[in-house]
């Protein structure tokens, strides 16, 4: 069996127009990588939504995912929250197991 290593998965869902500010903050915190995915639709406190019904880019949501060493979580979360706290968005943190710890 391949050995695995504990890390943290940070997922942030935000409106597309603030994405560059969020990625700039992560780069400043020396996050070694992230992935951005389009959020096509969902259901939340304001009801159901679909990307295709958005009137502008502000209605387009994206999900940014990165894997972090636990020792980095507080600093990266603080930097991300400084941006997301004033915007529409969701931040989640979960435990994950990776097979190549040197990447994170």
PDB file of N, CA and C in Angstrom:
ATOM      1  N   UNK A   1       0.840  -1.188   0.000  1.00  0.00           N
ATOM      2  CA  UNK A   1       0.000   0.000   0.000  1.00  0.00           C
ATOM      3  C   UNK A   1       0.885   1.251   0.000  1.00  0.00           C
ATOM      4  N   UNK A   2       0.484   2.256  -0.739  1.00  0.00           N
ATOM      5  CA  UNK A   2       1.193   3.523  -0.808  1.00  0.00           C
ATOM      6  C   UNK A   2       0.982   4.316   0.474  1.00  0.00           C
ATOM      7  N   UNK A   3       2.039   4.901   0.972  1.00  0.00           N
ATOM      8  CA  UNK A   3       1.946   5.718   2.184  1.00  0.00           C
ATOM      9  C   UNK A   3       1.235   7.028   1.865  1.00  0.00           C
ATOM     10  N   UNK A   4       0.406   7.487   2.791  1.00  0.00           N
ATOM     11  CA  UNK A   4      -0.270   8.772   2.635  1.00  0.00           C
ATOM     12  C   UNK A   4       0.127   9.703   3.781  1.00  0.00           C
ATOM     13  N   UNK A   5      -0.115  10.999   3.542  1.00  0.00           N
ATOM     14  CA  UNK A   5       0.278  12.031   4.497  1.00  0.00           C
ATOM     15  C   UNK A   5      -0.891  12.985   4.706  1.00  0.00           C
ATOM     16  N   UNK A   6      -1.114  13.369   5.949  1.00  0.00           N
ATOM     17  CA  UNK A   6      -2.236  14.251   6.292  1.00  0.00           C
ATOM     18  C   UNK A   6      -1.947  15.687   5.877  1.00  0.00           C
ATOM     19  N   UNK A   7      -2.933  16.287   5.228  1.00  0.00           N
ATOM     20  CA  UNK A   7      -2.886  17.699   4.844  1.00  0.00           C
ATOM     21  C   UNK A   7      -4.280  18.277   5.050  1.00  0.00           C
ATOM     22  N   UNK A   8      -4.440  19.543   4.712  1.00  0.00           N
ATOM     23  CA  UNK A   8      -5.730  20.221   4.786  1.00  0.00           C
ATOM     24  C   UNK A   8      -6.157  20.652   3.389  1.00  0.00           C
ATOM     25  N   UNK A   9      -7.435  20.522   3.099  1.00  0.00           N
ATOM     26  CA  UNK A   9      -7.994  20.987   1.827  1.00  0.00           C
ATOM     27  C   UNK A   9      -8.820  22.230   2.123  1.00  0.00           C
ATOM     28  N   UNK A  10      -8.444  23.324   1.480  1.00  0.00           N
ATOM     29  CA  UNK A  10      -9.164  24.591   1.612  1.00  0.00           C
ATOM     30  C   UNK A  10      -9.952  24.797   0.333  1.00  0.00           C
ATOM     31  N   UNK A  11     -11.247  24.991   0.469  1.00  0.00           N
ATOM     32  CA  UNK A  11     -12.096  25.267  -0.692  1.00  0.00           C
ATOM     33  C   UNK A  11     -12.832  26.572  -0.439  1.00  0.00           C
ATOM     34  N   UNK A  12     -12.750  27.449  -1.432  1.00  0.00           N
ATOM     35  CA  UNK A  12     -13.367  28.766  -1.318  1.00  0.00           C
ATOM     36  C   UNK A  12     -14.232  28.989  -2.550  1.00  0.00           C
ATOM     37  N   UNK A  13     -15.510  29.249  -2.327  1.00  0.00           N
ATOM     38  CA  UNK A  13     -16.435  29.538  -3.422  1.00  0.00           C
ATOM     39  C   UNK A  13     -16.750  31.020  -3.365  1.00  0.00           C
ATOM     40  N   UNK A  14     -16.460  31.723  -4.476  1.00  0.00           N
ATOM     41  CA  UNK A  14     -16.640  33.172  -4.531  1.00  0.00           C
ATOM     42  C   UNK A  14     -17.173  33.583  -5.898  1.00  0.00           C
ATOM     43  N   UNK A  15     -17.618  34.831  -5.971  1.00  0.00           N
ATOM     44  CA  UNK A  15     -17.998  35.390  -7.264  1.00  0.00           C
ATOM     45  C   UNK A  15     -16.738  35.639  -8.089  1.00  0.00           C
ATOM     46  N   UNK A  16     -16.813  35.371  -9.355  1.00  0.00           N
ATOM     47  CA  UNK A  16     -15.657  35.456 -10.250  1.00  0.00           C
ATOM     48  C   UNK A  16     -14.916  36.801 -10.228  1.00  0.00           C
ATOM     49  N   UNK A  17     -15.606  37.934 -10.124  1.00  0.00           N
ATOM     50  CA  UNK A  17     -14.868  39.207 -10.156  1.00  0.00           C
ATOM     51  C   UNK A  17     -13.838  39.393  -9.046  1.00  0.00           C
ATOM     52  N   UNK A  18     -13.952  38.704  -7.912  1.00  0.00           N
ATOM     53  CA  UNK A  18     -12.944  38.881  -6.853  1.00  0.00           C
ATOM     54  C   UNK A  18     -11.872  37.794  -6.896  1.00  0.00           C
ATOM     55  N   UNK A  19     -11.944  36.900  -7.850  1.00  0.00           N
ATOM     56  CA  UNK A  19     -11.005  35.791  -7.921  1.00  0.00           C
ATOM     57  C   UNK A  19      -9.558  36.256  -7.994  1.00  0.00           C
ATOM     58  N   UNK A  20      -9.255  37.266  -8.779  1.00  0.00           N
ATOM     59  CA  UNK A  20      -7.857  37.698  -8.904  1.00  0.00           C
ATOM     60  C   UNK A  20      -7.322  38.239  -7.574  1.00  0.00           C
ATOM     61  N   UNK A  21      -8.156  38.911  -6.801  1.00  0.00           N
ATOM     62  CA  UNK A  21      -7.701  39.381  -5.477  1.00  0.00           C
ATOM     63  C   UNK A  21      -7.414  38.207  -4.553  1.00  0.00           C
ATOM     64  N   UNK A  22      -8.247  37.176  -4.655  1.00  0.00           N
ATOM     65  CA  UNK A  22      -8.055  35.992  -3.829  1.00  0.00           C
ATOM     66  C   UNK A  22      -6.779  35.248  -4.229  1.00  0.00           C
ATOM     67  N   UNK A  23      -6.571  35.046  -5.523  1.00  0.00           N
ATOM     68  CA  UNK A  23      -5.367  34.338  -5.958  1.00  0.00           C
ATOM     69  C   UNK A  23      -4.107  35.153  -5.643  1.00  0.00           C
ATOM     70  N   UNK A  24      -4.170  36.469  -5.768  1.00  0.00           N
ATOM     71  CA  UNK A  24      -3.027  37.310  -5.385  1.00  0.00           C
ATOM     72  C   UNK A  24      -2.672  37.115  -3.907  1.00  0.00           C
ATOM     73  N   UNK A  25      -3.697  37.036  -3.058  1.00  0.00           N
ATOM     74  CA  UNK A  25      -3.464  36.841  -1.628  1.00  0.00           C
ATOM     75  C   UNK A  25      -2.839  35.475  -1.357  1.00  0.00           C
ATOM     76  N   UNK A  26      -3.291  34.446  -2.069  1.00  0.00           N
ATOM     77  CA  UNK A  26      -2.724  33.113  -1.876  1.00  0.00           C
ATOM     78  C   UNK A  26      -1.277  33.053  -2.354  1.00  0.00           C
ATOM     79  N   UNK A  27      -0.995  33.696  -3.463  1.00  0.00           N
ATOM     80  CA  UNK A  27       0.383  33.727  -3.969  1.00  0.00           C
ATOM     81  C   UNK A  27       1.284  34.478  -2.986  1.00  0.00           C
ATOM     82  N   UNK A  28       0.778  35.570  -2.431  1.00  0.00           N
ATOM     83  CA  UNK A  28       1.548  36.326  -1.443  1.00  0.00           C
ATOM     84  C   UNK A  28       1.864  35.463  -0.218  1.00  0.00           C
ATOM     85  N   UNK A  29       0.945  34.561   0.119  1.00  0.00           N
ATOM     86  CA  UNK A  29       1.154  33.643   1.252  1.00  0.00           C
ATOM     87  C   UNK A  29       1.962  32.409   0.843  1.00  0.00           C
ATOM     88  N   UNK A  30       2.455  32.404  -0.397  1.00  0.00           N
ATOM     89  CA  UNK A  30       3.299  31.338  -0.923  1.00  0.00           C
ATOM     90  C   UNK A  30       2.592  29.979  -0.980  1.00  0.00           C
ATOM     91  N   UNK A  31       1.302  30.016  -1.306  1.00  0.00           N
ATOM     92  CA  UNK A  31       0.576  28.768  -1.571  1.00  0.00           C
ATOM     93  C   UNK A  31       1.176  28.184  -2.841  1.00  0.00           C
ATOM     94  N   UNK A  32       1.551  26.916  -2.796  1.00  0.00           N
ATOM     95  CA  UNK A  32       2.303  26.316  -3.905  1.00  0.00           C
ATOM     96  C   UNK A  32       1.437  25.876  -5.075  1.00  0.00           C
ATOM     97  N   UNK A  33       0.133  25.904  -4.916  1.00  0.00           N
ATOM     98  CA  UNK A  33      -0.729  25.552  -6.030  1.00  0.00           C
ATOM     99  C   UNK A  33      -2.193  25.621  -5.645  1.00  0.00           C
ATOM    100  N   UNK A  34      -3.024  25.807  -6.637  1.00  0.00           N
ATOM    101  CA  UNK A  34      -4.469  25.802  -6.431  1.00  0.00           C
ATOM    102  C   UNK A  34      -5.124  25.448  -7.758  1.00  0.00           C
ATOM    103  N   UNK A  35      -6.384  25.064  -7.679  1.00  0.00           N
ATOM    104  CA  UNK A  35      -7.180  24.752  -8.862  1.00  0.00           C
ATOM    105  C   UNK A  35      -8.456  25.567  -8.789  1.00  0.00           C
ATOM    106  N   UNK A  36      -8.866  26.114  -9.931  1.00  0.00           N
ATOM    107  CA  UNK A  36     -10.092  26.905 -10.006  1.00  0.00           C
ATOM    108  C   UNK A  36     -11.083  26.163 -10.886  1.00  0.00           C
ATOM    109  N   UNK A  37     -12.288  25.996 -10.375  1.00  0.00           N
ATOM    110  CA  UNK A  37     -13.343  25.277 -11.083  1.00  0.00           C
ATOM    111  C   UNK A  37     -14.563  26.183 -11.227  1.00  0.00           C
ATOM    112  N   UNK A  38     -15.264  26.112 -12.352  1.00  0.00           N
ATOM    113  CA  UNK A  38     -16.498  26.891 -12.451  1.00  0.00           C
ATOM    114  C   UNK A  38     -17.584  26.254 -11.581  1.00  0.00           C
ATOM    115  N   UNK A  39     -18.330  27.072 -10.890  1.00  0.00           N
ATOM    116  CA  UNK A  39     -19.505  26.593 -10.156  1.00  0.00           C
ATOM    117  C   UNK A  39     -20.699  26.828 -11.066  1.00  0.00           C
ATOM    118  N   UNK A  40     -21.314  25.769 -11.514  1.00  0.00           N
ATOM    119  CA  UNK A  40     -22.354  25.870 -12.527  1.00  0.00           C
ATOM    120  C   UNK A  40     -23.730  26.181 -11.968  1.00  0.00           C
ATOM    121  N   UNK A  41     -23.933  25.892 -10.716  1.00  0.00           N
ATOM    122  CA  UNK A  41     -25.230  26.154 -10.098  1.00  0.00           C
ATOM    123  C   UNK A  41     -25.226  25.615  -8.688  1.00  0.00           C
ATOM    124  N   UNK A  42     -26.312  25.875  -7.998  1.00  0.00           N
ATOM    125  CA  UNK A  42     -26.413  25.385  -6.637  1.00  0.00           C
ATOM    126  C   UNK A  42     -27.680  25.855  -5.965  1.00  0.00           C
ATOM    127  N   UNK A  43     -27.716  25.620  -4.686  1.00  0.00           N
ATOM    128  CA  UNK A  43     -28.861  26.007  -3.880  1.00  0.00           C
ATOM    129  C   UNK A  43     -28.326  26.543  -2.567  1.00  0.00           C
ATOM    130  N   UNK A  44     -28.785  27.705  -2.144  1.00  0.00           N
ATOM    131  CA  UNK A  44     -28.307  28.316  -0.906  1.00  0.00           C
ATOM    132  C   UNK A  44     -29.381  29.123  -0.230  1.00  0.00           C
ATOM    133  N   UNK A  45     -28.977  30.026   0.646  1.00  0.00           N
ATOM    134  CA  UNK A  45     -29.920  30.813   1.441  1.00  0.00           C
ATOM    135  C   UNK A  45     -30.821  31.687   0.575  1.00  0.00           C
ATOM    136  N   UNK A  46     -30.370  32.041  -0.624  1.00  0.00           N
ATOM    137  CA  UNK A  46     -31.194  32.837  -1.541  1.00  0.00           C
ATOM    138  C   UNK A  46     -31.945  31.977  -2.547  1.00  0.00           C
ATOM    139  N   UNK A  47     -31.927  30.674  -2.340  1.00  0.00           N
ATOM    140  CA  UNK A  47     -32.632  29.766  -3.242  1.00  0.00           C
ATOM    141  C   UNK A  47     -31.708  29.167  -4.288  1.00  0.00           C
ATOM    142  N   UNK A  48     -32.318  28.613  -5.310  1.00  0.00           N
ATOM    143  CA  UNK A  48     -31.568  27.951  -6.366  1.00  0.00           C
ATOM    144  C   UNK A  48     -31.014  28.968  -7.355  1.00  0.00           C
ATOM    145  N   UNK A  49     -29.813  28.688  -7.867  1.00  0.00           N
ATOM    146  CA  UNK A  49     -29.203  29.573  -8.855  1.00  0.00           C
ATOM    147  C   UNK A  49     -28.488  28.730  -9.906  1.00  0.00           C
ATOM    148  N   UNK A  50     -28.353  29.313 -11.090  1.00  0.00           N
ATOM    149  CA  UNK A  50     -27.639  28.674 -12.202  1.00  0.00           C
ATOM    150  C   UNK A  50     -26.768  29.718 -12.864  1.00  0.00           C
ATOM    151  N   UNK A  51     -25.586  29.330 -13.224  1.00  0.00           N
ATOM    152  CA  UNK A  51     -24.637  30.233 -13.876  1.00  0.00           C
ATOM    153  C   UNK A  51     -25.238  30.837 -15.138  1.00  0.00           C
ATOM    154  N   UNK A  52     -25.989  30.054 -15.884  1.00  0.00           N
ATOM    155  CA  UNK A  52     -26.547  30.525 -17.154  1.00  0.00           C
ATOM    156  C   UNK A  52     -27.589  31.627 -16.970  1.00  0.00           C
ATOM    157  N   UNK A  53     -28.147  31.760 -15.769  1.00  0.00           N
ATOM    158  CA  UNK A  53     -29.141  32.805 -15.505  1.00  0.00           C
ATOM    159  C   UNK A  53     -28.529  34.100 -14.982  1.00  0.00           C
ATOM    160  N   UNK A  54     -27.220  34.111 -14.762  1.00  0.00           N
ATOM    161  CA  UNK A  54     -26.558  35.294 -14.207  1.00  0.00           C
ATOM    162  C   UNK A  54     -26.582  36.433 -15.223  1.00  0.00           C
ATOM    163  N   UNK A  55     -26.862  37.616 -14.738  1.00  0.00           N
ATOM    164  CA  UNK A  55     -26.914  38.786 -15.605  1.00  0.00           C
ATOM    165  C   UNK A  55     -25.533  39.363 -15.896  1.00  0.00           C
ATOM    166  N   UNK A  56     -24.560  39.066 -15.036  1.00  0.00           N
ATOM    167  CA  UNK A  56     -23.203  39.596 -15.219  1.00  0.00           C
ATOM    168  C   UNK A  56     -22.212  38.596 -14.645  1.00  0.00           C
ATOM    169  N   UNK A  57     -20.923  38.906 -14.767  1.00  0.00           N
ATOM    170  CA  UNK A  57     -19.884  38.058 -14.187  1.00  0.00           C
ATOM    171  C   UNK A  57     -20.015  37.984 -12.667  1.00  0.00           C
ATOM    172  N   UNK A  58     -20.627  38.985 -12.060  1.00  0.00           N
ATOM    173  CA  UNK A  58     -20.796  38.975 -10.610  1.00  0.00           C
ATOM    174  C   UNK A  58     -21.649  37.784 -10.164  1.00  0.00           C
ATOM    175  N   UNK A  59     -22.481  37.293 -11.042  1.00  0.00           N
ATOM    176  CA  UNK A  59     -23.293  36.124 -10.725  1.00  0.00           C
ATOM    177  C   UNK A  59     -22.612  34.810 -11.040  1.00  0.00           C
ATOM    178  N   UNK A  60     -21.437  34.876 -11.632  1.00  0.00           N
ATOM    179  CA  UNK A  60     -20.675  33.665 -11.934  1.00  0.00           C
ATOM    180  C   UNK A  60     -19.839  33.290 -10.717  1.00  0.00           C
ATOM    181  N   UNK A  61     -20.073  32.123 -10.201  1.00  0.00           N
ATOM    182  CA  UNK A  61     -19.332  31.649  -9.041  1.00  0.00           C
ATOM    183  C   UNK A  61     -18.233  30.698  -9.499  1.00  0.00           C
ATOM    184  N   UNK A  62     -17.129  30.687  -8.750  1.00  0.00           N
ATOM    185  CA  UNK A  62     -16.027  29.771  -8.995  1.00  0.00           C
ATOM    186  C   UNK A  62     -15.623  29.136  -7.665  1.00  0.00           C
ATOM    187  N   UNK A  63     -15.042  27.961  -7.759  1.00  0.00           N
ATOM    188  CA  UNK A  63     -14.520  27.272  -6.577  1.00  0.00           C
ATOM    189  C   UNK A  63     -13.013  27.177  -6.710  1.00  0.00           C
ATOM    190  N   UNK A  64     -12.302  27.664  -5.716  1.00  0.00           N
ATOM    191  CA  UNK A  64     -10.856  27.559  -5.670  1.00  0.00           C
ATOM    192  C   UNK A  64     -10.507  26.508  -4.621  1.00  0.00           C
ATOM    193  N   UNK A  65      -9.667  25.556  -4.994  1.00  0.00           N
ATOM    194  CA  UNK A  65      -9.283  24.467  -4.104  1.00  0.00           C
ATOM    195  C   UNK A  65      -7.764  24.441  -3.987  1.00  0.00           C
ATOM    196  N   UNK A  66      -7.269  24.331  -2.765  1.00  0.00           N
ATOM    197  CA  UNK A  66      -5.831  24.131  -2.566  1.00  0.00           C
ATOM    198  C   UNK A  66      -5.614  23.186  -1.394  1.00  0.00           C
ATOM    199  N   UNK A  67      -4.468  22.539  -1.422  1.00  0.00           N
ATOM    200  CA  UNK A  67      -4.065  21.615  -0.361  1.00  0.00           C
ATOM    201  C   UNK A  67      -2.913  22.267   0.390  1.00  0.00           C
ATOM    202  N   UNK A  68      -2.994  22.244   1.715  1.00  0.00           N
ATOM    203  CA  UNK A  68      -2.013  22.939   2.555  1.00  0.00           C
ATOM    204  C   UNK A  68      -1.475  22.026   3.640  1.00  0.00           C
ATOM    205  N   UNK A  69      -0.257  22.309   4.047  1.00  0.00           N
ATOM    206  CA  UNK A  69       0.256  21.708   5.258  1.00  0.00           C
ATOM    207  C   UNK A  69      -0.461  22.377   6.430  1.00  0.00           C
ATOM    208  N   UNK A  70      -0.768  21.616   7.442  1.00  0.00           N
ATOM    209  CA  UNK A  70      -1.533  22.157   8.572  1.00  0.00           C
ATOM    210  C   UNK A  70      -0.856  23.370   9.211  1.00  0.00           C
ATOM    211  N   UNK A  71       0.453  23.426   9.181  1.00  0.00           N
ATOM    212  CA  UNK A  71       1.176  24.554   9.777  1.00  0.00           C
ATOM    213  C   UNK A  71       0.922  25.866   9.046  1.00  0.00           C
ATOM    214  N   UNK A  72       0.416  25.810   7.835  1.00  0.00           N
ATOM    215  CA  UNK A  72       0.179  27.012   7.014  1.00  0.00           C
ATOM    216  C   UNK A  72      -1.266  27.502   7.069  1.00  0.00           C
ATOM    217  N   UNK A  73      -2.142  26.707   7.637  1.00  0.00           N
ATOM    218  CA  UNK A  73      -3.579  26.979   7.559  1.00  0.00           C
ATOM    219  C   UNK A  73      -3.957  28.339   8.129  1.00  0.00           C
ATOM    220  N   UNK A  74      -3.502  28.677   9.316  1.00  0.00           N
ATOM    221  CA  UNK A  74      -3.923  29.937   9.949  1.00  0.00           C
ATOM    222  C   UNK A  74      -3.590  31.152   9.095  1.00  0.00           C
ATOM    223  N   UNK A  75      -2.362  31.216   8.579  1.00  0.00           N
ATOM    224  CA  UNK A  75      -1.956  32.366   7.772  1.00  0.00           C
ATOM    225  C   UNK A  75      -2.741  32.449   6.462  1.00  0.00           C
ATOM    226  N   UNK A  76      -2.909  31.309   5.802  1.00  0.00           N
ATOM    227  CA  UNK A  76      -3.623  31.305   4.519  1.00  0.00           C
ATOM    228  C   UNK A  76      -5.107  31.608   4.730  1.00  0.00           C
ATOM    229  N   UNK A  77      -5.702  31.037   5.766  1.00  0.00           N
ATOM    230  CA  UNK A  77      -7.113  31.331   6.054  1.00  0.00           C
ATOM    231  C   UNK A  77      -7.316  32.812   6.364  1.00  0.00           C
ATOM    232  N   UNK A  78      -6.424  33.391   7.123  1.00  0.00           N
ATOM    233  CA  UNK A  78      -6.541  34.819   7.453  1.00  0.00           C
ATOM    234  C   UNK A  78      -6.480  35.676   6.195  1.00  0.00           C
ATOM    235  N   UNK A  79      -5.555  35.361   5.304  1.00  0.00           N
ATOM    236  CA  UNK A  79      -5.423  36.124   4.056  1.00  0.00           C
ATOM    237  C   UNK A  79      -6.660  35.965   3.184  1.00  0.00           C
ATOM    238  N   UNK A  80      -7.173  34.747   3.076  1.00  0.00           N
ATOM    239  CA  UNK A  80      -8.365  34.500   2.261  1.00  0.00           C
ATOM    240  C   UNK A  80      -9.593  35.158   2.881  1.00  0.00           C
ATOM    241  N   UNK A  81      -9.724  35.041   4.195  1.00  0.00           N
ATOM    242  CA  UNK A  81     -10.899  35.597   4.864  1.00  0.00           C
ATOM    243  C   UNK A  81     -10.937  37.118   4.768  1.00  0.00           C
ATOM    244  N   UNK A  82      -9.791  37.752   4.735  1.00  0.00           N
ATOM    245  CA  UNK A  82      -9.740  39.208   4.601  1.00  0.00           C
ATOM    246  C   UNK A  82     -10.433  39.658   3.313  1.00  0.00           C
ATOM    247  N   UNK A  83     -10.437  38.819   2.307  1.00  0.00           N
ATOM    248  CA  UNK A  83     -11.092  39.141   1.034  1.00  0.00           C
ATOM    249  C   UNK A  83     -12.528  38.628   1.020  1.00  0.00           C
ATOM    250  N   UNK A  84     -12.732  37.404   1.413  1.00  0.00           N
ATOM    251  CA  UNK A  84     -14.046  36.766   1.306  1.00  0.00           C
ATOM    252  C   UNK A  84     -15.047  37.325   2.308  1.00  0.00           C
ATOM    253  N   UNK A  85     -14.594  37.811   3.444  1.00  0.00           N
ATOM    254  CA  UNK A  85     -15.516  38.266   4.497  1.00  0.00           C
ATOM    255  C   UNK A  85     -16.435  39.393   4.036  1.00  0.00           C
ATOM    256  N   UNK A  86     -16.023  40.157   3.032  1.00  0.00           N
ATOM    257  CA  UNK A  86     -16.833  41.276   2.544  1.00  0.00           C
ATOM    258  C   UNK A  86     -17.610  40.918   1.274  1.00  0.00           C
ATOM    259  N   UNK A  87     -17.585  39.649   0.892  1.00  0.00           N
ATOM    260  CA  UNK A  87     -18.170  39.230  -0.380  1.00  0.00           C
ATOM    261  C   UNK A  87     -19.112  38.051  -0.170  1.00  0.00           C
ATOM    262  N   UNK A  88     -19.804  37.696  -1.237  1.00  0.00           N
ATOM    263  CA  UNK A  88     -20.552  36.451  -1.253  1.00  0.00           C
ATOM    264  C   UNK A  88     -19.519  35.336  -1.337  1.00  0.00           C
ATOM    265  N   UNK A  89     -19.606  34.355  -0.476  1.00  0.00           N
ATOM    266  CA  UNK A  89     -18.644  33.265  -0.560  1.00  0.00           C
ATOM    267  C   UNK A  89     -18.760  32.279   0.578  1.00  0.00           C
ATOM    268  N   UNK A  90     -18.182  31.126   0.358  1.00  0.00           N
ATOM    269  CA  UNK A  90     -18.156  30.056   1.349  1.00  0.00           C
ATOM    270  C   UNK A  90     -16.722  29.566   1.459  1.00  0.00           C
ATOM    271  N   UNK A  91     -16.256  29.369   2.680  1.00  0.00           N
ATOM    272  CA  UNK A  91     -14.918  28.847   2.927  1.00  0.00           C
ATOM    273  C   UNK A  91     -15.058  27.573   3.740  1.00  0.00           C
ATOM    274  N   UNK A  92     -14.463  26.479   3.257  1.00  0.00           N
ATOM    275  CA  UNK A  92     -14.470  25.228   4.015  1.00  0.00           C
ATOM    276  C   UNK A  92     -13.047  24.702   4.134  1.00  0.00           C
ATOM    277  N   UNK A  93     -12.810  23.972   5.196  1.00  0.00           N
ATOM    278  CA  UNK A  93     -11.517  23.365   5.462  1.00  0.00           C
ATOM    279  C   UNK A  93     -11.769  21.930   5.888  1.00  0.00           C
ATOM    280  N   UNK A  94     -11.061  20.992   5.272  1.00  0.00           N
ATOM    281  CA  UNK A  94     -11.259  19.584   5.611  1.00  0.00           C
ATOM    282  C   UNK A  94      -9.932  18.840   5.611  1.00  0.00           C
ATOM    283  N   UNK A  95      -9.933  17.690   6.258  1.00  0.00           N
ATOM    284  CA  UNK A  95      -8.755  16.827   6.293  1.00  0.00           C
ATOM    285  C   UNK A  95      -8.700  16.001   5.021  1.00  0.00           C
ATOM    286  N   UNK A  96      -7.493  15.848   4.473  1.00  0.00           N
ATOM    287  CA  UNK A  96      -7.275  14.991   3.307  1.00  0.00           C
ATOM    288  C   UNK A  96      -5.990  14.205   3.522  1.00  0.00           C
ATOM    289  N   UNK A  97      -5.824  13.174   2.708  1.00  0.00           N
ATOM    290  CA  UNK A  97      -4.601  12.373   2.683  1.00  0.00           C
ATOM    291  C   UNK A  97      -4.014  12.510   1.276  1.00  0.00           C
ATOM    292  N   UNK A  98      -2.717  12.791   1.173  1.00  0.00           N
ATOM    293  CA  UNK A  98      -2.049  12.920  -0.125  1.00  0.00           C
ATOM    294  C   UNK A  98      -0.918  11.888  -0.212  1.00  0.00           C
ATOM    295  N   UNK A  99      -0.502  11.597  -1.429  1.00  0.00           N
ATOM    296  CA  UNK A  99       0.582  10.632  -1.616  1.00  0.00           C
ATOM    297  C   UNK A  99       1.900  11.301  -1.981  1.00  0.00           C
ATOM    298  N   UNK A 100       1.878  12.592  -2.277  1.00  0.00           N
ATOM    299  CA  UNK A 100       3.100  13.329  -2.615  1.00  0.00           C
ATOM    300  C   UNK A 100       3.190  14.583  -1.751  1.00  0.00           C
ATOM    301  N   UNK A 101       3.587  14.458  -0.499  1.00  0.00           N
ATOM    302  CA  UNK A 101       3.551  15.584   0.442  1.00  0.00           C
ATOM    303  C   UNK A 101       4.485  16.729   0.059  1.00  0.00           C
ATOM    304  N   UNK A 102       5.515  16.466  -0.714  1.00  0.00           N
ATOM    305  CA  UNK A 102       6.469  17.519  -1.070  1.00  0.00           C
ATOM    306  C   UNK A 102       5.857  18.604  -1.931  1.00  0.00           C
ATOM    307  N   UNK A 103       4.692  18.342  -2.523  1.00  0.00           N
ATOM    308  CA  UNK A 103       4.025  19.332  -3.368  1.00  0.00           C
ATOM    309  C   UNK A 103       3.273  20.385  -2.548  1.00  0.00           C
ATOM    310  N   UNK A 104       3.101  20.138  -1.273  1.00  0.00           N
ATOM    311  CA  UNK A 104       2.266  21.013  -0.460  1.00  0.00           C
ATOM    312  C   UNK A 104       3.051  21.586   0.697  1.00  0.00           C
TER     313      UNK A 104
END
